[in-house]
Amino acid sequence: PVPGREYAGLWGGTFGWPPGRPEDECRPRKALFFLLLSYE
């Protein structure tokens, strides 16, 4: 990440709203995706 490309790097994601939280034991677990964000 550098100025102008602040979002580059490794991110984790889940589908659905509100976003999944690891501590939410009462809600159904959501599949975890790893995404590599890069600029072109």
PDB file of all heavy atoms in Angstrom:
ATOM      1  N   PRO A   1       0.827  -1.210   0.000  1.00  0.00           N
ATOM      2  CA  PRO A   1       0.000   0.000   0.000  1.00  0.00           C
ATOM      3  C   PRO A   1       0.861   1.260   0.000  1.00  0.00           C
ATOM      4  O   PRO A   1       1.789   1.391   0.801  1.00  0.00           O
ATOM      5  CB  PRO A   1      -0.811  -0.115   1.298  1.00  0.00           C
ATOM      6  CG  PRO A   1      -0.742  -1.546   1.678  1.00  0.00           C
ATOM      7  CD  PRO A   1       0.576  -2.048   1.190  1.00  0.00           C
ATOM      8  N   VAL A   2       0.561   2.174  -0.902  1.00  0.00           N
ATOM      9  CA  VAL A   2       1.246   3.470  -0.993  1.00  0.00           C
ATOM     10  C   VAL A   2       0.178   4.521  -1.288  1.00  0.00           C
ATOM     11  O   VAL A   2      -0.945   4.189  -1.691  1.00  0.00           O
ATOM     12  CB  VAL A   2       2.327   3.467  -2.106  1.00  0.00           C
ATOM     13  CG1 VAL A   2       3.449   2.492  -1.765  1.00  0.00           C
ATOM     14  CG2 VAL A   2       1.710   3.126  -3.460  1.00  0.00           C
ATOM     15  N   PRO A   3       0.482   5.786  -1.077  1.00  0.00           N
ATOM     16  CA  PRO A   3      -0.499   6.826  -1.405  1.00  0.00           C
ATOM     17  C   PRO A   3      -0.964   6.707  -2.854  1.00  0.00           C
ATOM     18  O   PRO A   3      -0.165   6.579  -3.768  1.00  0.00           O
ATOM     19  CB  PRO A   3       0.288   8.126  -1.175  1.00  0.00           C
ATOM     20  CG  PRO A   3       1.300   7.766  -0.139  1.00  0.00           C
ATOM     21  CD  PRO A   3       1.701   6.352  -0.437  1.00  0.00           C
ATOM     22  N   GLY A   4      -2.264   6.732  -3.029  1.00  0.00           N
ATOM     23  CA  GLY A   4      -2.845   6.541  -4.352  1.00  0.00           C
ATOM     24  C   GLY A   4      -3.182   5.090  -4.642  1.00  0.00           C
ATOM     25  O   GLY A   4      -3.951   4.794  -5.550  1.00  0.00           O
ATOM     26  N   ARG A   5      -2.596   4.176  -3.876  1.00  0.00           N
ATOM     27  CA  ARG A   5      -2.882   2.746  -3.989  1.00  0.00           C
ATOM     28  C   ARG A   5      -3.034   2.163  -2.581  1.00  0.00           C
ATOM     29  O   ARG A   5      -2.417   1.181  -2.218  1.00  0.00           O
ATOM     30  CB  ARG A   5      -1.774   2.027  -4.769  1.00  0.00           C
ATOM     31  CG  ARG A   5      -1.631   2.530  -6.195  1.00  0.00           C
ATOM     32  CD  ARG A   5      -0.702   1.647  -7.011  1.00  0.00           C
ATOM     33  NE  ARG A   5      -0.755   1.987  -8.426  1.00  0.00           N
ATOM     34  CZ  ARG A   5      -0.246   1.253  -9.410  1.00  0.00           C
ATOM     35  NH1 ARG A   5       0.372   0.115  -9.112  1.00  0.00           N
ATOM     36  NH2 ARG A   5      -0.341   1.631 -10.673  1.00  0.00           N
ATOM     37  N   GLU A   6      -3.879   2.796  -1.825  1.00  0.00           N
ATOM     38  CA  GLU A   6      -4.002   2.497  -0.398  1.00  0.00           C
ATOM     39  C   GLU A   6      -4.577   1.117  -0.102  1.00  0.00           C
ATOM     40  O   GLU A   6      -4.373   0.579   0.985  1.00  0.00           O
ATOM     41  CB  GLU A   6      -4.899   3.540   0.284  1.00  0.00           C
ATOM     42  CG  GLU A   6      -4.349   4.959   0.282  1.00  0.00           C
ATOM     43  CD  GLU A   6      -4.739   5.729  -0.980  1.00  0.00           C
ATOM     44  OE1 GLU A   6      -5.308   5.092  -1.896  1.00  0.00           O
ATOM     45  OE2 GLU A   6      -4.485   6.948  -1.041  1.00  0.00           O
ATOM     46  N   TYR A   7      -5.303   0.533  -1.041  1.00  0.00           N
ATOM     47  CA  TYR A   7      -6.035  -0.690  -0.737  1.00  0.00           C
ATOM     48  C   TYR A   7      -5.329  -1.946  -1.238  1.00  0.00           C
ATOM     49  O   TYR A   7      -5.895  -3.044  -1.176  1.00  0.00           O
ATOM     50  CB  TYR A   7      -7.443  -0.604  -1.323  1.00  0.00           C
ATOM     51  CG  TYR A   7      -8.134   0.698  -0.985  1.00  0.00           C
ATOM     52  CD1 TYR A   7      -8.475   1.621  -1.972  1.00  0.00           C
ATOM     53  CD2 TYR A   7      -8.398   1.029   0.341  1.00  0.00           C
ATOM     54  CE1 TYR A   7      -9.074   2.831  -1.648  1.00  0.00           C
ATOM     55  CE2 TYR A   7      -8.991   2.230   0.674  1.00  0.00           C
ATOM     56  CZ  TYR A   7      -9.324   3.131  -0.328  1.00  0.00           C
ATOM     57  OH  TYR A   7      -9.911   4.334   0.004  1.00  0.00           O
ATOM     58  N   ALA A   8      -4.108  -1.818  -1.699  1.00  0.00           N
ATOM     59  CA  ALA A   8      -3.357  -2.993  -2.151  1.00  0.00           C
ATOM     60  C   ALA A   8      -3.042  -3.897  -0.964  1.00  0.00           C
ATOM     61  O   ALA A   8      -2.852  -3.441   0.162  1.00  0.00           O
ATOM     62  CB  ALA A   8      -2.066  -2.554  -2.836  1.00  0.00           C
ATOM     63  N   GLY A   9      -2.979  -5.224  -1.225  1.00  0.00           N
ATOM     64  CA  GLY A   9      -2.613  -6.169  -0.174  1.00  0.00           C
ATOM     65  C   GLY A   9      -3.606  -7.306  -0.043  1.00  0.00           C
ATOM     66  O   GLY A   9      -4.469  -7.520  -0.895  1.00  0.00           O
ATOM     67  N   LEU A  10      -3.481  -8.047   1.063  1.00  0.00           N
ATOM     68  CA  LEU A  10      -4.323  -9.213   1.316  1.00  0.00           C
ATOM     69  C   LEU A  10      -5.501  -8.830   2.201  1.00  0.00           C
ATOM     70  O   LEU A  10      -5.317  -8.218   3.257  1.00  0.00           O
ATOM     71  CB  LEU A  10      -3.492 -10.309   1.986  1.00  0.00           C
ATOM     72  CG  LEU A  10      -4.195 -11.638   2.233  1.00  0.00           C
ATOM     73  CD1 LEU A  10      -4.529 -12.330   0.919  1.00  0.00           C
ATOM     74  CD2 LEU A  10      -3.325 -12.555   3.102  1.00  0.00           C
ATOM     75  N   TRP A  11      -6.690  -9.232   1.779  1.00  0.00           N
ATOM     76  CA  TRP A  11      -7.924  -8.926   2.509  1.00  0.00           C
ATOM     77  C   TRP A  11      -8.726 -10.217   2.707  1.00  0.00           C
ATOM     78  O   TRP A  11      -8.630 -11.154   1.922  1.00  0.00           O
ATOM     79  CB  TRP A  11      -8.776  -7.916   1.747  1.00  0.00           C
ATOM     80  CG  TRP A  11      -8.157  -6.559   1.599  1.00  0.00           C
ATOM     81  CD1 TRP A  11      -7.058  -6.224   0.855  1.00  0.00           C
ATOM     82  CD2 TRP A  11      -8.602  -5.347   2.206  1.00  0.00           C
ATOM     83  NE1 TRP A  11      -6.785  -4.881   0.961  1.00  0.00           N
ATOM     84  CE2 TRP A  11      -7.722  -4.314   1.789  1.00  0.00           C
ATOM     85  CE3 TRP A  11      -9.655  -5.020   3.055  1.00  0.00           C
ATOM     86  CZ2 TRP A  11      -7.871  -2.994   2.195  1.00  0.00           C
ATOM     87  CZ3 TRP A  11      -9.815  -3.693   3.466  1.00  0.00           C
ATOM     88  CH2 TRP A  11      -8.923  -2.693   3.034  1.00  0.00           C
ATOM     89  N   GLY A  12      -9.531 -10.225   3.762  1.00  0.00           N
ATOM     90  CA  GLY A  12     -10.463 -11.315   4.003  1.00  0.00           C
ATOM     91  C   GLY A  12     -11.882 -10.815   3.823  1.00  0.00           C
ATOM     92  O   GLY A  12     -12.193  -9.671   4.184  1.00  0.00           O
ATOM     93  N   GLY A  13     -12.753 -11.651   3.275  1.00  0.00           N
ATOM     94  CA  GLY A  13     -14.108 -11.199   2.992  1.00  0.00           C
ATOM     95  C   GLY A  13     -15.160 -12.247   3.268  1.00  0.00           C
ATOM     96  O   GLY A  13     -14.892 -13.452   3.255  1.00  0.00           O
ATOM     97  N   THR A  14     -16.374 -11.769   3.545  1.00  0.00           N
ATOM     98  CA  THR A  14     -17.543 -12.635   3.689  1.00  0.00           C
ATOM     99  C   THR A  14     -18.695 -12.014   2.915  1.00  0.00           C
ATOM    100  O   THR A  14     -18.764 -10.797   2.734  1.00  0.00           O
ATOM    101  CB  THR A  14     -17.961 -12.784   5.164  1.00  0.00           C
ATOM    102  OG1 THR A  14     -18.247 -11.488   5.717  1.00  0.00           O
ATOM    103  CG2 THR A  14     -16.864 -13.454   5.978  1.00  0.00           C
ATOM    104  N   PHE A  15     -19.609 -12.878   2.475  1.00  0.00           N
ATOM    105  CA  PHE A  15     -20.803 -12.393   1.789  1.00  0.00           C
ATOM    106  C   PHE A  15     -21.913 -12.146   2.810  1.00  0.00           C
ATOM    107  O   PHE A  15     -22.009 -12.832   3.833  1.00  0.00           O
ATOM    108  CB  PHE A  15     -21.277 -13.411   0.755  1.00  0.00           C
ATOM    109  CG  PHE A  15     -20.538 -13.328  -0.550  1.00  0.00           C
ATOM    110  CD1 PHE A  15     -19.406 -14.096  -0.764  1.00  0.00           C
ATOM    111  CD2 PHE A  15     -20.960 -12.471  -1.558  1.00  0.00           C
ATOM    112  CE1 PHE A  15     -18.721 -14.034  -1.954  1.00  0.00           C
ATOM    113  CE2 PHE A  15     -20.280 -12.393  -2.753  1.00  0.00           C
ATOM    114  CZ  PHE A  15     -19.146 -13.174  -2.957  1.00  0.00           C
ATOM    115  N   GLY A  16     -22.751 -11.155   2.496  1.00  0.00           N
ATOM    116  CA  GLY A  16     -23.904 -10.848   3.332  1.00  0.00           C
ATOM    117  C   GLY A  16     -23.695  -9.605   4.166  1.00  0.00           C
ATOM    118  O   GLY A  16     -22.571  -9.158   4.407  1.00  0.00           O
ATOM    119  N   TRP A  17     -24.811  -9.017   4.596  1.00  0.00           N
ATOM    120  CA  TRP A  17     -24.797  -7.831   5.452  1.00  0.00           C
ATOM    121  C   TRP A  17     -25.737  -8.076   6.629  1.00  0.00           C
ATOM    122  O   TRP A  17     -26.835  -8.598   6.430  1.00  0.00           O
ATOM    123  CB  TRP A  17     -25.224  -6.589   4.667  1.00  0.00           C
ATOM    124  CG  TRP A  17     -25.004  -5.327   5.449  1.00  0.00           C
ATOM    125  CD1 TRP A  17     -25.914  -4.681   6.227  1.00  0.00           C
ATOM    126  CD2 TRP A  17     -23.794  -4.592   5.540  1.00  0.00           C
ATOM    127  NE1 TRP A  17     -25.357  -3.581   6.803  1.00  0.00           N
ATOM    128  CE2 TRP A  17     -24.039  -3.494   6.397  1.00  0.00           C
ATOM    129  CE3 TRP A  17     -22.518  -4.742   5.024  1.00  0.00           C
ATOM    130  CZ2 TRP A  17     -23.067  -2.566   6.718  1.00  0.00           C
ATOM    131  CZ3 TRP A  17     -21.553  -3.811   5.326  1.00  0.00           C
ATOM    132  CH2 TRP A  17     -21.826  -2.732   6.169  1.00  0.00           C
ATOM    133  N   PRO A  18     -25.342  -7.720   7.834  1.00  0.00           N
ATOM    134  CA  PRO A  18     -24.094  -7.066   8.222  1.00  0.00           C
ATOM    135  C   PRO A  18     -22.899  -8.000   8.056  1.00  0.00           C
ATOM    136  O   PRO A  18     -23.074  -9.220   7.972  1.00  0.00           O
ATOM    137  CB  PRO A  18     -24.320  -6.705   9.685  1.00  0.00           C
ATOM    138  CG  PRO A  18     -25.301  -7.719  10.157  1.00  0.00           C
ATOM    139  CD  PRO A  18     -26.208  -7.977   9.003  1.00  0.00           C
ATOM    140  N   PRO A  19     -21.685  -7.437   7.996  1.00  0.00           N
ATOM    141  CA  PRO A  19     -20.496  -8.268   7.772  1.00  0.00           C
ATOM    142  C   PRO A  19     -20.302  -9.268   8.898  1.00  0.00           C
ATOM    143  O   PRO A  19     -20.667  -9.023  10.048  1.00  0.00           O
ATOM    144  CB  PRO A  19     -19.347  -7.241   7.724  1.00  0.00           C
ATOM    145  CG  PRO A  19     -19.877  -6.033   8.420  1.00  0.00           C
ATOM    146  CD  PRO A  19     -21.344  -6.007   8.130  1.00  0.00           C
ATOM    147  N   GLY A  20     -19.710 -10.418   8.542  1.00  0.00           N
ATOM    148  CA  GLY A  20     -19.471 -11.452   9.531  1.00  0.00           C
ATOM    149  C   GLY A  20     -18.416 -11.035  10.542  1.00  0.00           C
ATOM    150  O   GLY A  20     -17.466 -10.322  10.214  1.00  0.00           O
ATOM    151  N   ARG A  21     -18.604 -11.477  11.775  1.00  0.00           N
ATOM    152  CA  ARG A  21     -17.638 -11.194  12.842  1.00  0.00           C
ATOM    153  C   ARG A  21     -17.277 -12.516  13.523  1.00  0.00           C
ATOM    154  O   ARG A  21     -18.151 -13.317  13.823  1.00  0.00           O
ATOM    155  CB  ARG A  21     -18.229 -10.216  13.859  1.00  0.00           C
ATOM    156  CG  ARG A  21     -18.611  -8.869  13.245  1.00  0.00           C
ATOM    157  CD  ARG A  21     -19.115  -7.903  14.303  1.00  0.00           C
ATOM    158  NE  ARG A  21     -19.541  -6.645  13.702  1.00  0.00           N
ATOM    159  CZ  ARG A  21     -18.722  -5.655  13.374  1.00  0.00           C
ATOM    160  NH1 ARG A  21     -17.421  -5.795  13.608  1.00  0.00           N
ATOM    161  NH2 ARG A  21     -19.166  -4.550  12.823  1.00  0.00           N
ATOM    162  N   PRO A  22     -15.981 -12.731  13.781  1.00  0.00           N
ATOM    163  CA  PRO A  22     -15.568 -14.013  14.371  1.00  0.00           C
ATOM    164  C   PRO A  22     -16.240 -14.321  15.696  1.00  0.00           C
ATOM    165  O   PRO A  22     -16.450 -15.481  16.022  1.00  0.00           O
ATOM    166  CB  PRO A  22     -14.051 -13.832  14.552  1.00  0.00           C
ATOM    167  CG  PRO A  22     -13.668 -12.754  13.599  1.00  0.00           C
ATOM    168  CD  PRO A  22     -14.855 -11.841  13.519  1.00  0.00           C
ATOM    169  N   GLU A  23     -16.595 -13.294  16.458  1.00  0.00           N
ATOM    170  CA  GLU A  23     -17.148 -13.537  17.796  1.00  0.00           C
ATOM    171  C   GLU A  23     -18.655 -13.787  17.776  1.00  0.00           C
ATOM    172  O   GLU A  23     -19.249 -14.050  18.820  1.00  0.00           O
ATOM    173  CB  GLU A  23     -16.846 -12.350  18.717  1.00  0.00           C
ATOM    174  CG  GLU A  23     -17.467 -11.028  18.260  1.00  0.00           C
ATOM    175  CD  GLU A  23     -16.576 -10.261  17.300  1.00  0.00           C
ATOM    176  OE1 GLU A  23     -15.615 -10.861  16.791  1.00  0.00           O
ATOM    177  OE2 GLU A  23     -16.849  -9.070  17.064  1.00  0.00           O
ATOM    178  N   ASP A  24     -19.296 -13.704  16.608  1.00  0.00           N
ATOM    179  CA  ASP A  24     -20.742 -13.893  16.533  1.00  0.00           C
ATOM    180  C   ASP A  24     -21.084 -15.385  16.545  1.00  0.00           C
ATOM    181  O   ASP A  24     -21.299 -16.019  15.519  1.00  0.00           O
ATOM    182  CB  ASP A  24     -21.309 -13.247  15.258  1.00  0.00           C
ATOM    183  CG  ASP A  24     -21.275 -11.732  15.326  1.00  0.00           C
ATOM    184  OD1 ASP A  24     -21.134 -11.210  16.439  1.00  0.00           O
ATOM    185  OD2 ASP A  24     -21.378 -11.086  14.276  1.00  0.00           O
ATOM    186  N   GLU A  25     -21.124 -15.989  17.738  1.00  0.00           N
ATOM    187  CA  GLU A  25     -21.399 -17.414  17.861  1.00  0.00           C
ATOM    188  C   GLU A  25     -22.875 -17.738  17.634  1.00  0.00           C
ATOM    189  O   GLU A  25     -23.227 -18.850  17.269  1.00  0.00           O
ATOM    190  CB  GLU A  25     -20.969 -17.915  19.248  1.00  0.00           C
ATOM    191  CG  GLU A  25     -19.483 -17.800  19.516  1.00  0.00           C
ATOM    192  CD  GLU A  25     -18.656 -18.752  18.677  1.00  0.00           C
ATOM    193  OE1 GLU A  25     -19.244 -19.711  18.128  1.00  0.00           O
ATOM    194  OE2 GLU A  25     -17.435 -18.537  18.555  1.00  0.00           O
ATOM    195  N   CYS A  26     -23.746 -16.753  17.844  1.00  0.00           N
ATOM    196  CA  CYS A  26     -25.181 -17.028  17.749  1.00  0.00           C
ATOM    197  C   CYS A  26     -25.679 -16.999  16.312  1.00  0.00           C
ATOM    198  O   CYS A  26     -26.761 -17.481  16.022  1.00  0.00           O
ATOM    199  CB  CYS A  26     -25.963 -16.022  18.592  1.00  0.00           C
ATOM    200  SG  CYS A  26     -25.677 -14.299  18.115  1.00  0.00           S
ATOM    201  N   ARG A  27     -24.894 -16.437  15.412  1.00  0.00           N
ATOM    202  CA  ARG A  27     -25.325 -16.346  14.020  1.00  0.00           C
ATOM    203  C   ARG A  27     -24.687 -17.463  13.199  1.00  0.00           C
ATOM    204  O   ARG A  27     -23.631 -17.969  13.550  1.00  0.00           O
ATOM    205  CB  ARG A  27     -24.936 -14.988  13.431  1.00  0.00           C
ATOM    206  CG  ARG A  27     -25.610 -13.810  14.119  1.00  0.00           C
ATOM    207  CD  ARG A  27     -25.205 -12.512  13.452  1.00  0.00           C
ATOM    208  NE  ARG A  27     -25.826 -11.360  14.091  1.00  0.00           N
ATOM    209  CZ  ARG A  27     -25.624 -10.102  13.701  1.00  0.00           C
ATOM    210  NH1 ARG A  27     -24.793  -9.848  12.710  1.00  0.00           N
ATOM    211  NH2 ARG A  27     -26.245  -9.116  14.323  1.00  0.00           N
ATOM    212  N   PRO A  28     -25.323 -17.833  12.093  1.00  0.00           N
ATOM    213  CA  PRO A  28     -24.703 -18.829  11.207  1.00  0.00           C
ATOM    214  C   PRO A  28     -23.360 -18.319  10.695  1.00  0.00           C
ATOM    215  O   PRO A  28     -23.227 -17.163  10.310  1.00  0.00           O
ATOM    216  CB  PRO A  28     -25.729 -18.965  10.073  1.00  0.00           C
ATOM    217  CG  PRO A  28     -27.018 -18.483  10.640  1.00  0.00           C
ATOM    218  CD  PRO A  28     -26.654 -17.422  11.633  1.00  0.00           C
ATOM    219  N   ARG A  29     -22.380 -19.206  10.710  1.00  0.00           N
ATOM    220  CA  ARG A  29     -21.046 -18.838  10.245  1.00  0.00           C
ATOM    221  C   ARG A  29     -21.060 -18.558   8.741  1.00  0.00           C
ATOM    222  O   ARG A  29     -21.800 -19.180   7.985  1.00  0.00           O
ATOM    223  CB  ARG A  29     -20.051 -19.949  10.561  1.00  0.00           C
ATOM    224  CG  ARG A  29     -19.829 -20.153  12.054  1.00  0.00           C
ATOM    225  CD  ARG A  29     -18.891 -19.083  12.593  1.00  0.00           C
ATOM    226  NE  ARG A  29     -18.595 -19.297  14.000  1.00  0.00           N
ATOM    227  CZ  ARG A  29     -17.631 -20.100  14.437  1.00  0.00           C
ATOM    228  NH1 ARG A  29     -16.906 -20.785  13.583  1.00  0.00           N
ATOM    229  NH2 ARG A  29     -17.415 -20.234  15.725  1.00  0.00           N
ATOM    230  N   LYS A  30     -20.182 -17.660   8.317  1.00  0.00           N
ATOM    231  CA  LYS A  30     -20.089 -17.308   6.906  1.00  0.00           C
ATOM    232  C   LYS A  30     -18.758 -17.788   6.336  1.00  0.00           C
ATOM    233  O   LYS A  30     -17.748 -17.783   7.022  1.00  0.00           O
ATOM    234  CB  LYS A  30     -20.211 -15.789   6.733  1.00  0.00           C
ATOM    235  CG  LYS A  30     -21.552 -15.232   7.174  1.00  0.00           C
ATOM    236  CD  LYS A  30     -21.640 -13.741   6.924  1.00  0.00           C
ATOM    237  CE  LYS A  30     -23.017 -13.205   7.321  1.00  0.00           C
ATOM    238  NZ  LYS A  30     -23.145 -11.751   7.067  1.00  0.00           N
ATOM    239  N   ALA A  31     -18.794 -18.202   5.077  1.00  0.00           N
ATOM    240  CA  ALA A  31     -17.577 -18.675   4.432  1.00  0.00           C
ATOM    241  C   ALA A  31     -16.582 -17.533   4.312  1.00  0.00           C
ATOM    242  O   ALA A  31     -16.937 -16.401   3.964  1.00  0.00           O
ATOM    243  CB  ALA A  31     -17.911 -19.228   3.047  1.00  0.00           C
ATOM    244  N   LEU A  32     -15.322 -17.845   4.605  1.00  0.00           N
ATOM    245  CA  LEU A  32     -14.259 -16.846   4.574  1.00  0.00           C
ATOM    246  C   LEU A  32     -13.519 -16.923   3.246  1.00  0.00           C
ATOM    247  O   LEU A  32     -13.060 -17.991   2.840  1.00  0.00           O
ATOM    248  CB  LEU A  32     -13.295 -17.079   5.737  1.00  0.00           C
ATOM    249  CG  LEU A  32     -12.077 -16.162   5.806  1.00  0.00           C
ATOM    250  CD1 LEU A  32     -12.494 -14.719   6.037  1.00  0.00           C
ATOM    251  CD2 LEU A  32     -11.129 -16.621   6.919  1.00  0.00           C
ATOM    252  N   PHE A  33     -13.404 -15.793   2.570  1.00  0.00           N
ATOM    253  CA  PHE A  33     -12.655 -15.687   1.324  1.00  0.00           C
ATOM    254  C   PHE A  33     -11.400 -14.855   1.564  1.00  0.00           C
ATOM    255  O   PHE A  33     -11.437 -13.875   2.305  1.00  0.00           O
ATOM    256  CB  PHE A  33     -13.490 -14.997   0.233  1.00  0.00           C
ATOM    257  CG  PHE A  33     -14.623 -15.832  -0.308  1.00  0.00           C
ATOM    258  CD1 PHE A  33     -15.759 -16.077   0.443  1.00  0.00           C
ATOM    259  CD2 PHE A  33     -14.551 -16.366  -1.584  1.00  0.00           C
ATOM    260  CE1 PHE A  33     -16.805 -16.829  -0.050  1.00  0.00           C
ATOM    261  CE2 PHE A  33     -15.587 -17.126  -2.094  1.00  0.00           C
ATOM    262  CZ  PHE A  33     -16.718 -17.361  -1.326  1.00  0.00           C
ATOM    263  N   PHE A  34     -10.291 -15.256   0.945  1.00  0.00           N
ATOM    264  CA  PHE A  34      -9.087 -14.434   0.920  1.00  0.00           C
ATOM    265  C   PHE A  34      -8.970 -13.840  -0.470  1.00  0.00           C
ATOM    266  O   PHE A  34      -9.053 -14.562  -1.475  1.00  0.00           O
ATOM    267  CB  PHE A  34      -7.841 -15.269   1.219  1.00  0.00           C
ATOM    268  CG  PHE A  34      -7.608 -15.532   2.675  1.00  0.00           C
ATOM    269  CD1 PHE A  34      -8.598 -15.306   3.610  1.00  0.00           C
ATOM    270  CD2 PHE A  34      -6.390 -16.023   3.115  1.00  0.00           C
ATOM    271  CE1 PHE A  34      -8.385 -15.558   4.962  1.00  0.00           C
ATOM    272  CE2 PHE A  34      -6.165 -16.286   4.457  1.00  0.00           C
ATOM    273  CZ  PHE A  34      -7.169 -16.053   5.377  1.00  0.00           C
ATOM    274  N   LEU A  35      -8.770 -12.530  -0.510  1.00  0.00           N
ATOM    275  CA  LEU A  35      -8.641 -11.840  -1.793  1.00  0.00           C
ATOM    276  C   LEU A  35      -7.377 -10.996  -1.806  1.00  0.00           C
ATOM    277  O   LEU A  35      -7.019 -10.372  -0.800  1.00  0.00           O
ATOM    278  CB  LEU A  35      -9.857 -10.946  -2.066  1.00  0.00           C
ATOM    279  CG  LEU A  35     -11.181 -11.682  -2.304  1.00  0.00           C
ATOM    280  CD1 LEU A  35     -11.956 -11.794  -1.010  1.00  0.00           C
ATOM    281  CD2 LEU A  35     -12.017 -10.970  -3.357  1.00  0.00           C
ATOM    282  N   LEU A  36      -6.714 -10.996  -2.938  1.00  0.00           N
ATOM    283  CA  LEU A  36      -5.509 -10.201  -3.143  1.00  0.00           C
ATOM    284  C   LEU A  36      -5.906  -8.978  -3.967  1.00  0.00           C
ATOM    285  O   LEU A  36      -6.320  -9.106  -5.119  1.00  0.00           O
ATOM    286  CB  LEU A  36      -4.456 -11.027  -3.878  1.00  0.00           C
ATOM    287  CG  LEU A  36      -3.030 -10.487  -3.889  1.00  0.00           C
ATOM    288  CD1 LEU A  36      -2.476 -10.371  -2.478  1.00  0.00           C
ATOM    289  CD2 LEU A  36      -2.137 -11.388  -4.735  1.00  0.00           C
ATOM    290  N   LEU A  37      -5.802  -7.807  -3.357  1.00  0.00           N
ATOM    291  CA  LEU A  37      -6.169  -6.566  -4.053  1.00  0.00           C
ATOM    292  C   LEU A  37      -4.927  -5.938  -4.669  1.00  0.00           C
ATOM    293  O   LEU A  37      -3.907  -5.757  -3.996  1.00  0.00           O
ATOM    294  CB  LEU A  37      -6.841  -5.580  -3.094  1.00  0.00           C
ATOM    295  CG  LEU A  37      -8.377  -5.689  -2.989  1.00  0.00           C
ATOM    296  CD1 LEU A  37      -8.800  -7.075  -2.564  1.00  0.00           C
ATOM    297  CD2 LEU A  37      -8.949  -4.628  -2.051  1.00  0.00           C
ATOM    298  N   SER A  38      -5.012  -5.626  -5.943  1.00  0.00           N
ATOM    299  CA  SER A  38      -3.879  -5.051  -6.662  1.00  0.00           C
ATOM    300  C   SER A  38      -4.383  -4.030  -7.672  1.00  0.00           C
ATOM    301  O   SER A  38      -5.559  -4.030  -8.060  1.00  0.00           O
ATOM    302  CB  SER A  38      -3.069  -6.147  -7.367  1.00  0.00           C
ATOM    303  OG  SER A  38      -3.895  -6.892  -8.241  1.00  0.00           O
ATOM    304  N   TYR A  39      -3.471  -3.175  -8.067  1.00  0.00           N
ATOM    305  CA  TYR A  39      -3.809  -2.083  -8.992  1.00  0.00           C
ATOM    306  C   TYR A  39      -3.223  -2.349 -10.366  1.00  0.00           C
ATOM    307  O   TYR A  39      -2.085  -2.804 -10.508  1.00  0.00           O
ATOM    308  CB  TYR A  39      -3.273  -0.752  -8.468  1.00  0.00           C
ATOM    309  CG  TYR A  39      -4.046  -0.179  -7.296  1.00  0.00           C
ATOM    310  CD1 TYR A  39      -3.824  -0.636  -6.010  1.00  0.00           C
ATOM    311  CD2 TYR A  39      -5.011   0.818  -7.483  1.00  0.00           C
ATOM    312  CE1 TYR A  39      -4.528  -0.119  -4.929  1.00  0.00           C
ATOM    313  CE2 TYR A  39      -5.716   1.343  -6.417  1.00  0.00           C
ATOM    314  CZ  TYR A  39      -5.474   0.865  -5.139  1.00  0.00           C
ATOM    315  OH  TYR A  39      -6.174   1.394  -4.070  1.00  0.00           O
ATOM    316  N   GLU A  40      -4.027  -2.046 -11.382  1.00  0.00           N
ATOM    317  CA  GLU A  40      -3.580  -2.021 -12.766  1.00  0.00           C
ATOM    318  C   GLU A  40      -4.153  -0.766 -13.421  1.00  0.00           C
ATOM    319  O   GLU A  40      -4.882  -0.001 -12.783  1.00  0.00           O
ATOM    320  CB  GLU A  40      -4.031  -3.276 -13.519  1.00  0.00           C
ATOM    321  CG  GLU A  40      -3.375  -4.563 -13.042  1.00  0.00           C
ATOM    322  CD  GLU A  40      -3.767  -5.767 -13.875  1.00  0.00           C
ATOM    323  OE1 GLU A  40      -4.453  -5.565 -14.920  1.00  0.00           O
ATOM    324  OE2 GLU A  40      -3.410  -6.894 -13.507  1.00  0.00           O
TER     325      GLU A  40
END
